[in-house]
Amino acid sequence: MSLPLNSVALQSRLQLRYMFDYLKQGECGDIIIDNMRGSIDPESTLDFSGYDHFMAMPNLGVFKDSGFPFTRLADLSQTAV
């Protein structure tokens, strides 16, 4: 499945909803089936490698020089030691 990432807003959430369709034939035409369940395969992945702001995670090296979470500015300016 392809998602148009250029139209996704910042701070978005991805939600997946299941829509089950089943054939209603004969005397079972008006019966509601409520025991259908869905799940996401635990081996499935999301590939953001073509996205401009992609970064493979977990990558703790990203925080190595940033001082996070102890500084308010990423370049460590105005940081008291």
C-alpha atoms as a PDB file:
ATOM      1  CA  MET A   1       0.000   0.000   0.000  1.00  0.00           C
ATOM      2  CA  SER A   2       1.383   3.451  -0.856  1.00  0.00           C
ATOM      3  CA  LEU A   3       0.755   6.510   1.292  1.00  0.00           C
ATOM      4  CA  PRO A   4       1.181  10.023  -0.176  1.00  0.00           C
ATOM      5  CA  LEU A   5       3.628  11.325   2.459  1.00  0.00           C
ATOM      6  CA  ASN A   6       3.891  14.763   0.864  1.00  0.00           C
ATOM      7  CA  SER A   7       0.273  15.421   1.838  1.00  0.00           C
ATOM      8  CA  VAL A   8       0.617  14.135   5.416  1.00  0.00           C
ATOM      9  CA  ALA A   9       0.588  16.861   8.057  1.00  0.00           C
ATOM     10  CA  LEU A  10       3.201  17.085  10.797  1.00  0.00           C
ATOM     11  CA  GLN A  11       2.261  15.304  14.009  1.00  0.00           C
ATOM     12  CA  SER A  12      -0.140  12.974  12.157  1.00  0.00           C
ATOM     13  CA  ARG A  13      -1.347   9.587  13.257  1.00  0.00           C
ATOM     14  CA  LEU A  14      -1.757   6.612  11.008  1.00  0.00           C
ATOM     15  CA  GLN A  15      -4.906   4.630  11.715  1.00  0.00           C
ATOM     16  CA  LEU A  16      -5.927   1.422  10.006  1.00  0.00           C
ATOM     17  CA  ARG A  17      -9.584   0.440   9.920  1.00  0.00           C
ATOM     18  CA  TYR A  18     -10.938  -2.865   8.731  1.00  0.00           C
ATOM     19  CA  MET A  19     -13.927  -3.114   6.426  1.00  0.00           C
ATOM     20  CA  PHE A  20     -15.085  -6.715   6.070  1.00  0.00           C
ATOM     21  CA  ASP A  21     -17.346  -7.641   3.199  1.00  0.00           C
ATOM     22  CA  TYR A  22     -19.030 -11.016   3.092  1.00  0.00           C
ATOM     23  CA  LEU A  23     -21.610 -12.636   0.868  1.00  0.00           C
ATOM     24  CA  LYS A  24     -25.155 -12.779   2.210  1.00  0.00           C
ATOM     25  CA  GLN A  25     -27.079 -15.519   0.521  1.00  0.00           C
ATOM     26  CA  GLY A  26     -30.351 -17.297   1.158  1.00  0.00           C
ATOM     27  CA  GLU A  27     -31.815 -17.273   4.663  1.00  0.00           C
ATOM     28  CA  CYS A  28     -28.625 -15.789   6.158  1.00  0.00           C
ATOM     29  CA  GLY A  29     -29.168 -12.498   4.312  1.00  0.00           C
ATOM     30  CA  ASP A  30     -30.216 -10.498   7.393  1.00  0.00           C
ATOM     31  CA  ILE A  31     -27.831 -12.011   9.948  1.00  0.00           C
ATOM     32  CA  ILE A  32     -25.128  -9.710  11.342  1.00  0.00           C
ATOM     33  CA  ILE A  33     -21.799 -11.450  11.841  1.00  0.00           C
ATOM     34  CA  ASP A  34     -19.988  -9.838  14.777  1.00  0.00           C
ATOM     35  CA  ASN A  35     -17.201 -12.356  15.325  1.00  0.00           C
ATOM     36  CA  MET A  36     -14.946 -11.221  12.465  1.00  0.00           C
ATOM     37  CA  ARG A  37     -11.569  -9.938  13.631  1.00  0.00           C
ATOM     38  CA  GLY A  38      -8.549  -8.412  11.927  1.00  0.00           C
ATOM     39  CA  SER A  39      -4.906  -7.934  12.846  1.00  0.00           C
ATOM     40  CA  ILE A  40      -1.711  -6.487  11.414  1.00  0.00           C
ATOM     41  CA  ASP A  41       1.058  -8.957  10.643  1.00  0.00           C
ATOM     42  CA  PRO A  42       3.829  -8.393  13.232  1.00  0.00           C
ATOM     43  CA  GLU A  43       6.411  -8.875  10.458  1.00  0.00           C
ATOM     44  CA  SER A  44       5.002  -5.987   8.401  1.00  0.00           C
ATOM     45  CA  THR A  45       7.023  -2.780   8.089  1.00  0.00           C
ATOM     46  CA  LEU A  46       6.623   0.869   7.131  1.00  0.00           C
ATOM     47  CA  ASP A  47       9.210   2.103   4.623  1.00  0.00           C
ATOM     48  CA  PHE A  48       9.921   5.855   4.882  1.00  0.00           C
ATOM     49  CA  SER A  49      13.290   5.687   3.092  1.00  0.00           C
ATOM     50  CA  GLY A  50      12.085   7.796   0.155  1.00  0.00           C
ATOM     51  CA  TYR A  51      10.816  10.527   2.457  1.00  0.00           C
ATOM     52  CA  ASP A  52      12.950  13.686   2.737  1.00  0.00           C
ATOM     53  CA  HIS A  53      13.196  13.659   6.538  1.00  0.00           C
ATOM     54  CA  PHE A  54      13.788   9.919   6.930  1.00  0.00           C
ATOM     55  CA  MET A  55      16.077   8.638   9.684  1.00  0.00           C
ATOM     56  CA  ALA A  56      16.457   4.984  10.658  1.00  0.00           C
ATOM     57  CA  MET A  57      15.520   4.523  14.306  1.00  0.00           C
ATOM     58  CA  PRO A  58      16.554   3.724  16.923  1.00  0.00           C
ATOM     59  CA  ASN A  59      19.634   5.807  16.262  1.00  0.00           C
ATOM     60  CA  LEU A  60      20.828   7.238  19.569  1.00  0.00           C
ATOM     61  CA  GLY A  61      23.773   8.872  17.795  1.00  0.00           C
ATOM     62  CA  VAL A  62      21.328  11.567  16.730  1.00  0.00           C
ATOM     63  CA  PHE A  63      21.282  12.834  20.313  1.00  0.00           C
ATOM     64  CA  LYS A  64      25.075  12.551  20.834  1.00  0.00           C
ATOM     65  CA  ASP A  65      25.911  16.215  20.259  1.00  0.00           C
ATOM     66  CA  SER A  66      22.515  17.712  20.886  1.00  0.00           C
ATOM     67  CA  GLY A  67      22.547  17.682  24.689  1.00  0.00           C
ATOM     68  CA  PHE A  68      18.996  16.377  24.646  1.00  0.00           C
ATOM     69  CA  PRO A  69      17.135  16.411  27.035  1.00  0.00           C
ATOM     70  CA  PHE A  70      19.296  18.732  29.145  1.00  0.00           C
ATOM     71  CA  THR A  71      19.503  21.706  26.800  1.00  0.00           C
ATOM     72  CA  ARG A  72      16.856  23.817  25.247  1.00  0.00           C
ATOM     73  CA  LEU A  73      18.909  24.740  22.168  1.00  0.00           C
ATOM     74  CA  ALA A  74      20.351  22.066  19.864  1.00  0.00           C
ATOM     75  CA  ASP A  75      23.676  23.888  19.342  1.00  0.00           C
ATOM     76  CA  LEU A  76      24.262  24.036  23.141  1.00  0.00           C
ATOM     77  CA  SER A  77      24.385  27.849  23.048  1.00  0.00           C
ATOM     78  CA  GLN A  78      23.240  29.557  26.239  1.00  0.00           C
ATOM     79  CA  THR A  79      23.827  26.298  28.139  1.00  0.00           C
ATOM     80  CA  ALA A  80      25.093  26.625  31.716  1.00  0.00           C
ATOM     81  CA  VAL A  81      27.442  23.959  33.026  1.00  0.00           C
END
